[in-house]
Amino acid sequence: QVQLAESGGGLVQTGGSLRLSCTASGTILRVNNMAWFRQAPGKQRELVAIITTGGSTNYTDSVKGRFTISRDNAKNTVFLQMNSLKPDDTAVYYCFSSITGTLWTQGYWGQGTLVTVSS
Protein backbone atom coordinates (compact mmCIF):
# COMPACT_ATOMS: atom_id res chain seq x y z
CA GLN A 1 0.00 0.00 0.00
CA VAL A 2 1.18 3.48 -0.88
CA GLN A 3 -0.18 6.68 0.60
CA LEU A 4 0.47 10.36 0.06
CA ALA A 5 0.00 12.61 3.08
CA GLU A 6 -0.26 16.36 2.59
CA SER A 7 0.07 19.22 5.03
CA GLY A 8 0.50 22.97 5.10
CA GLY A 9 -2.76 24.42 3.83
CA GLY A 10 -4.65 27.17 5.58
CA LEU A 11 -5.95 30.72 5.47
CA VAL A 12 -3.64 33.54 4.39
CA GLN A 13 -4.06 37.14 3.30
CA THR A 14 -3.31 38.38 -0.19
CA GLY A 15 0.45 38.68 -0.63
CA GLY A 16 1.19 36.08 2.02
CA SER A 17 3.02 32.77 1.77
CA LEU A 18 2.35 29.12 2.50
CA ARG A 19 4.41 25.98 2.14
CA LEU A 20 2.74 22.69 1.27
CA SER A 21 4.34 19.31 1.91
CA CYS A 22 3.46 15.84 0.67
CA THR A 23 5.16 12.64 1.79
CA ALA A 24 4.82 9.24 0.18
CA SER A 25 4.88 6.18 2.40
CA GLY A 26 4.43 2.44 2.03
CA THR A 27 6.11 -0.19 -0.10
CA ILE A 28 8.05 2.03 -2.49
CA LEU A 29 10.91 1.11 -4.78
CA ARG A 30 11.09 4.45 -6.52
CA VAL A 31 9.24 7.76 -6.52
CA ASN A 32 9.16 9.12 -10.06
CA ASN A 33 7.65 12.47 -11.12
CA MET A 34 5.89 14.44 -8.40
CA ALA A 35 3.38 17.22 -8.96
CA TRP A 36 0.87 19.57 -7.41
CA PHE A 37 -2.61 20.09 -8.82
CA ARG A 38 -5.37 22.36 -7.58
CA GLN A 39 -9.11 22.54 -7.94
CA ALA A 40 -11.03 25.73 -7.29
CA PRO A 41 -14.79 25.68 -6.61
CA GLY A 42 -16.69 25.08 -9.82
CA LYS A 43 -13.54 24.55 -11.86
CA GLN A 44 -11.63 21.59 -13.21
CA ARG A 45 -8.54 20.28 -11.52
CA GLU A 46 -5.43 21.85 -13.06
CA LEU A 47 -1.73 21.09 -12.96
CA VAL A 48 0.17 23.71 -10.97
CA ALA A 49 3.74 22.42 -10.98
CA ILE A 50 5.70 19.26 -11.69
CA ILE A 51 9.19 18.07 -10.78
CA THR A 52 11.04 15.12 -12.27
CA THR A 53 13.33 12.71 -10.47
CA GLY A 54 16.26 14.74 -11.76
CA GLY A 55 14.86 17.99 -10.45
CA SER A 56 13.58 19.55 -13.67
CA THR A 57 10.51 21.69 -13.04
CA ASN A 58 7.62 23.16 -14.95
CA TYR A 59 4.83 25.51 -13.87
CA THR A 60 1.51 26.71 -15.11
CA ASP A 61 1.81 30.29 -16.33
CA SER A 62 -0.31 31.82 -13.57
CA VAL A 63 2.12 30.78 -10.81
CA LYS A 64 5.48 31.28 -12.53
CA GLY A 65 7.73 33.49 -10.44
CA ARG A 66 5.57 33.03 -7.33
CA PHE A 67 5.52 29.27 -6.63
CA THR A 68 8.49 26.92 -6.29
CA ILE A 69 8.28 23.14 -6.36
CA SER A 70 11.07 21.09 -4.81
CA ARG A 71 11.62 17.58 -3.51
CA ASP A 72 13.61 15.64 -0.95
CA ASN A 73 14.25 12.26 -2.52
CA ALA A 74 15.62 10.76 0.69
CA LYS A 75 12.30 11.49 2.40
CA ASN A 76 10.00 10.84 -0.58
CA THR A 77 8.62 14.33 -0.07
CA VAL A 78 7.58 17.10 -2.43
CA PHE A 79 7.10 20.72 -1.41
CA LEU A 80 5.29 23.69 -2.90
CA GLN A 81 6.44 27.09 -1.68
CA MET A 82 3.76 29.62 -2.53
CA ASN A 83 4.59 33.32 -2.31
CA SER A 84 2.68 36.47 -3.26
CA LEU A 85 -0.57 34.59 -2.96
CA LYS A 86 -3.68 35.93 -4.65
CA PRO A 87 -7.38 35.22 -4.08
CA ASP A 88 -7.36 33.34 -7.42
CA ASP A 89 -4.98 30.82 -5.80
CA THR A 90 -7.78 29.70 -3.47
CA ALA A 91 -8.35 26.00 -4.10
CA VAL A 92 -7.89 22.51 -2.76
CA TYR A 93 -4.33 21.51 -3.56
CA TYR A 94 -3.55 17.88 -4.32
CA CYS A 95 -0.19 16.21 -4.66
CA PHE A 96 0.28 13.49 -7.22
CA SER A 97 3.14 11.08 -7.72
CA SER A 98 4.11 8.29 -10.03
CA ILE A 99 5.45 5.55 -7.77
CA THR A 100 7.06 2.24 -8.57
CA GLY A 101 6.20 -0.52 -6.13
CA THR A 102 7.10 -4.19 -6.06
CA LEU A 103 4.81 -5.09 -8.95
CA TRP A 104 4.05 -2.00 -11.05
CA THR A 105 4.22 1.75 -11.47
CA GLN A 106 1.08 3.80 -10.95
CA GLY A 107 -0.12 7.24 -9.98
CA TYR A 108 -1.26 8.16 -6.50
CA TRP A 109 -3.16 11.18 -5.18
CA GLY A 110 -3.05 12.85 -1.81
CA GLN A 111 -6.24 13.66 0.04
CA GLY A 112 -6.04 17.38 -0.69
CA THR A 113 -5.35 20.41 1.47
CA LEU A 114 -7.37 23.62 1.36
CA VAL A 115 -5.65 26.92 0.65
CA THR A 116 -7.76 30.04 1.14
CA VAL A 117 -6.42 33.46 0.21
CA SER A 118 -8.45 36.37 1.56
CA SER A 119 -8.59 39.72 -0.19
C-alpha atoms as a PDB file:
ATOM      1  CA  GLN A   1       0.000   0.000   0.000  1.00  0.00           C
ATOM      2  CA  VAL A   2       1.178   3.482  -0.876  1.00  0.00           C
ATOM      3  CA  GLN A   3      -0.184   6.678   0.605  1.00  0.00           C
ATOM      4  CA  LEU A   4       0.466  10.362   0.056  1.00  0.00           C
ATOM      5  CA  ALA A   5       0.005  12.608   3.076  1.00  0.00           C
ATOM      6  CA  GLU A   6      -0.262  16.362   2.587  1.00  0.00           C
ATOM      7  CA  SER A   7       0.075  19.218   5.031  1.00  0.00           C
ATOM      8  CA  GLY A   8       0.497  22.973   5.099  1.00  0.00           C
ATOM      9  CA  GLY A   9      -2.762  24.416   3.828  1.00  0.00           C
ATOM     10  CA  GLY A  10      -4.653  27.171   5.585  1.00  0.00           C
ATOM     11  CA  LEU A  11      -5.948  30.716   5.465  1.00  0.00           C
ATOM     12  CA  VAL A  12      -3.639  33.536   4.392  1.00  0.00           C
ATOM     13  CA  GLN A  13      -4.061  37.137   3.304  1.00  0.00           C
ATOM     14  CA  THR A  14      -3.306  38.383  -0.188  1.00  0.00           C
ATOM     15  CA  GLY A  15       0.446  38.681  -0.626  1.00  0.00           C
ATOM     16  CA  GLY A  16       1.185  36.079   2.015  1.00  0.00           C
ATOM     17  CA  SER A  17       3.016  32.770   1.771  1.00  0.00           C
ATOM     18  CA  LEU A  18       2.352  29.122   2.496  1.00  0.00           C
ATOM     19  CA  ARG A  19       4.406  25.977   2.140  1.00  0.00           C
ATOM     20  CA  LEU A  20       2.743  22.690   1.274  1.00  0.00           C
ATOM     21  CA  SER A  21       4.344  19.307   1.914  1.00  0.00           C
ATOM     22  CA  CYS A  22       3.458  15.845   0.666  1.00  0.00           C
ATOM     23  CA  THR A  23       5.161  12.639   1.790  1.00  0.00           C
ATOM     24  CA  ALA A  24       4.825   9.241   0.177  1.00  0.00           C
ATOM     25  CA  SER A  25       4.883   6.177   2.403  1.00  0.00           C
ATOM     26  CA  GLY A  26       4.428   2.439   2.034  1.00  0.00           C
ATOM     27  CA  THR A  27       6.115  -0.187  -0.103  1.00  0.00           C
ATOM     28  CA  ILE A  28       8.054   2.035  -2.486  1.00  0.00           C
ATOM     29  CA  LEU A  29      10.910   1.106  -4.776  1.00  0.00           C
ATOM     30  CA  ARG A  30      11.085   4.448  -6.523  1.00  0.00           C
ATOM     31  CA  VAL A  31       9.244   7.758  -6.523  1.00  0.00           C
ATOM     32  CA  ASN A  32       9.163   9.125 -10.056  1.00  0.00           C
ATOM     33  CA  ASN A  33       7.646  12.467 -11.117  1.00  0.00           C
ATOM     34  CA  MET A  34       5.886  14.439  -8.401  1.00  0.00           C
ATOM     35  CA  ALA A  35       3.385  17.216  -8.962  1.00  0.00           C
ATOM     36  CA  TRP A  36       0.869  19.567  -7.412  1.00  0.00           C
ATOM     37  CA  PHE A  37      -2.610  20.088  -8.822  1.00  0.00           C
ATOM     38  CA  ARG A  38      -5.372  22.359  -7.584  1.00  0.00           C
ATOM     39  CA  GLN A  39      -9.114  22.545  -7.943  1.00  0.00           C
ATOM     40  CA  ALA A  40     -11.029  25.728  -7.286  1.00  0.00           C
ATOM     41  CA  PRO A  41     -14.789  25.682  -6.606  1.00  0.00           C
ATOM     42  CA  GLY A  42     -16.690  25.075  -9.821  1.00  0.00           C
ATOM     43  CA  LYS A  43     -13.539  24.546 -11.863  1.00  0.00           C
ATOM     44  CA  GLN A  44     -11.632  21.589 -13.212  1.00  0.00           C
ATOM     45  CA  ARG A  45      -8.537  20.279 -11.520  1.00  0.00           C
ATOM     46  CA  GLU A  46      -5.426  21.850 -13.059  1.00  0.00           C
ATOM     47  CA  LEU A  47      -1.729  21.093 -12.958  1.00  0.00           C
ATOM     48  CA  VAL A  48       0.174  23.707 -10.967  1.00  0.00           C
ATOM     49  CA  ALA A  49       3.743  22.422 -10.978  1.00  0.00           C
ATOM     50  CA  ILE A  50       5.703  19.260 -11.692  1.00  0.00           C
ATOM     51  CA  ILE A  51       9.187  18.067 -10.784  1.00  0.00           C
ATOM     52  CA  THR A  52      11.038  15.122 -12.273  1.00  0.00           C
ATOM     53  CA  THR A  53      13.331  12.705 -10.466  1.00  0.00           C
ATOM     54  CA  GLY A  54      16.256  14.738 -11.762  1.00  0.00           C
ATOM     55  CA  GLY A  55      14.861  17.990 -10.447  1.00  0.00           C
ATOM     56  CA  SER A  56      13.582  19.555 -13.666  1.00  0.00           C
ATOM     57  CA  THR A  57      10.509  21.687 -13.040  1.00  0.00           C
ATOM     58  CA  ASN A  58       7.622  23.164 -14.947  1.00  0.00           C
ATOM     59  CA  TYR A  59       4.834  25.507 -13.866  1.00  0.00           C
ATOM     60  CA  THR A  60       1.513  26.706 -15.111  1.00  0.00           C
ATOM     61  CA  ASP A  61       1.812  30.289 -16.325  1.00  0.00           C
ATOM     62  CA  SER A  62      -0.314  31.815 -13.574  1.00  0.00           C
ATOM     63  CA  VAL A  63       2.115  30.780 -10.807  1.00  0.00           C
ATOM     64  CA  LYS A  64       5.475  31.284 -12.529  1.00  0.00           C
ATOM     65  CA  GLY A  65       7.727  33.486 -10.436  1.00  0.00           C
ATOM     66  CA  ARG A  66       5.574  33.026  -7.325  1.00  0.00           C
ATOM     67  CA  PHE A  67       5.525  29.271  -6.630  1.00  0.00           C
ATOM     68  CA  THR A  68       8.485  26.923  -6.294  1.00  0.00           C
ATOM     69  CA  ILE A  69       8.276  23.138  -6.364  1.00  0.00           C
ATOM     70  CA  SER A  70      11.068  21.093  -4.812  1.00  0.00           C
ATOM     71  CA  ARG A  71      11.619  17.580  -3.506  1.00  0.00           C
ATOM     72  CA  ASP A  72      13.611  15.645  -0.955  1.00  0.00           C
ATOM     73  CA  ASN A  73      14.249  12.263  -2.516  1.00  0.00           C
ATOM     74  CA  ALA A  74      15.619  10.764   0.694  1.00  0.00           C
ATOM     75  CA  LYS A  75      12.302  11.486   2.404  1.00  0.00           C
ATOM     76  CA  ASN A  76       9.996  10.841  -0.583  1.00  0.00           C
ATOM     77  CA  THR A  77       8.620  14.330  -0.068  1.00  0.00           C
ATOM     78  CA  VAL A  78       7.581  17.095  -2.426  1.00  0.00           C
ATOM     79  CA  PHE A  79       7.101  20.725  -1.410  1.00  0.00           C
ATOM     80  CA  LEU A  80       5.290  23.690  -2.898  1.00  0.00           C
ATOM     81  CA  GLN A  81       6.438  27.091  -1.675  1.00  0.00           C
ATOM     82  CA  MET A  82       3.757  29.623  -2.529  1.00  0.00           C
ATOM     83  CA  ASN A  83       4.586  33.318  -2.312  1.00  0.00           C
ATOM     84  CA  SER A  84       2.682  36.469  -3.257  1.00  0.00           C
ATOM     85  CA  LEU A  85      -0.574  34.585  -2.955  1.00  0.00           C
ATOM     86  CA  LYS A  86      -3.679  35.933  -4.645  1.00  0.00           C
ATOM     87  CA  PRO A  87      -7.384  35.222  -4.084  1.00  0.00           C
ATOM     88  CA  ASP A  88      -7.361  33.336  -7.418  1.00  0.00           C
ATOM     89  CA  ASP A  89      -4.984  30.823  -5.802  1.00  0.00           C
ATOM     90  CA  THR A  90      -7.777  29.700  -3.470  1.00  0.00           C
ATOM     91  CA  ALA A  91      -8.348  25.999  -4.099  1.00  0.00           C
ATOM     92  CA  VAL A  92      -7.893  22.507  -2.765  1.00  0.00           C
ATOM     93  CA  TYR A  93      -4.330  21.509  -3.559  1.00  0.00           C
ATOM     94  CA  TYR A  94      -3.552  17.875  -4.323  1.00  0.00           C
ATOM     95  CA  CYS A  95      -0.188  16.215  -4.662  1.00  0.00           C
ATOM     96  CA  PHE A  96       0.277  13.492  -7.221  1.00  0.00           C
ATOM     97  CA  SER A  97       3.143  11.082  -7.716  1.00  0.00           C
ATOM     98  CA  SER A  98       4.107   8.295 -10.028  1.00  0.00           C
ATOM     99  CA  ILE A  99       5.446   5.552  -7.773  1.00  0.00           C
ATOM    100  CA  THR A 100       7.060   2.245  -8.572  1.00  0.00           C
ATOM    101  CA  GLY A 101       6.197  -0.521  -6.128  1.00  0.00           C
ATOM    102  CA  THR A 102       7.098  -4.187  -6.065  1.00  0.00           C
ATOM    103  CA  LEU A 103       4.807  -5.094  -8.951  1.00  0.00           C
ATOM    104  CA  TRP A 104       4.053  -2.004 -11.048  1.00  0.00           C
ATOM    105  CA  THR A 105       4.216   1.745 -11.474  1.00  0.00           C
ATOM    106  CA  GLN A 106       1.082   3.803 -10.951  1.00  0.00           C
ATOM    107  CA  GLY A 107      -0.121   7.241  -9.982  1.00  0.00           C
ATOM    108  CA  TYR A 108      -1.259   8.163  -6.505  1.00  0.00           C
ATOM    109  CA  TRP A 109      -3.163  11.175  -5.184  1.00  0.00           C
ATOM    110  CA  GLY A 110      -3.045  12.847  -1.814  1.00  0.00           C
ATOM    111  CA  GLN A 111      -6.238  13.663   0.036  1.00  0.00           C
ATOM    112  CA  GLY A 112      -6.039  17.382  -0.687  1.00  0.00           C
ATOM    113  CA  THR A 113      -5.352  20.405   1.470  1.00  0.00           C
ATOM    114  CA  LEU A 114      -7.367  23.623   1.359  1.00  0.00           C
ATOM    115  CA  VAL A 115      -5.652  26.920   0.654  1.00  0.00           C
ATOM    116  CA  THR A 116      -7.758  30.035   1.140  1.00  0.00           C
ATOM    117  CA  VAL A 117      -6.420  33.463   0.210  1.00  0.00           C
ATOM    118  CA  SER A 118      -8.448  36.368   1.555  1.00  0.00           C
ATOM    119  CA  SER A 119      -8.587  39.719  -0.193  1.00  0.00           C
END
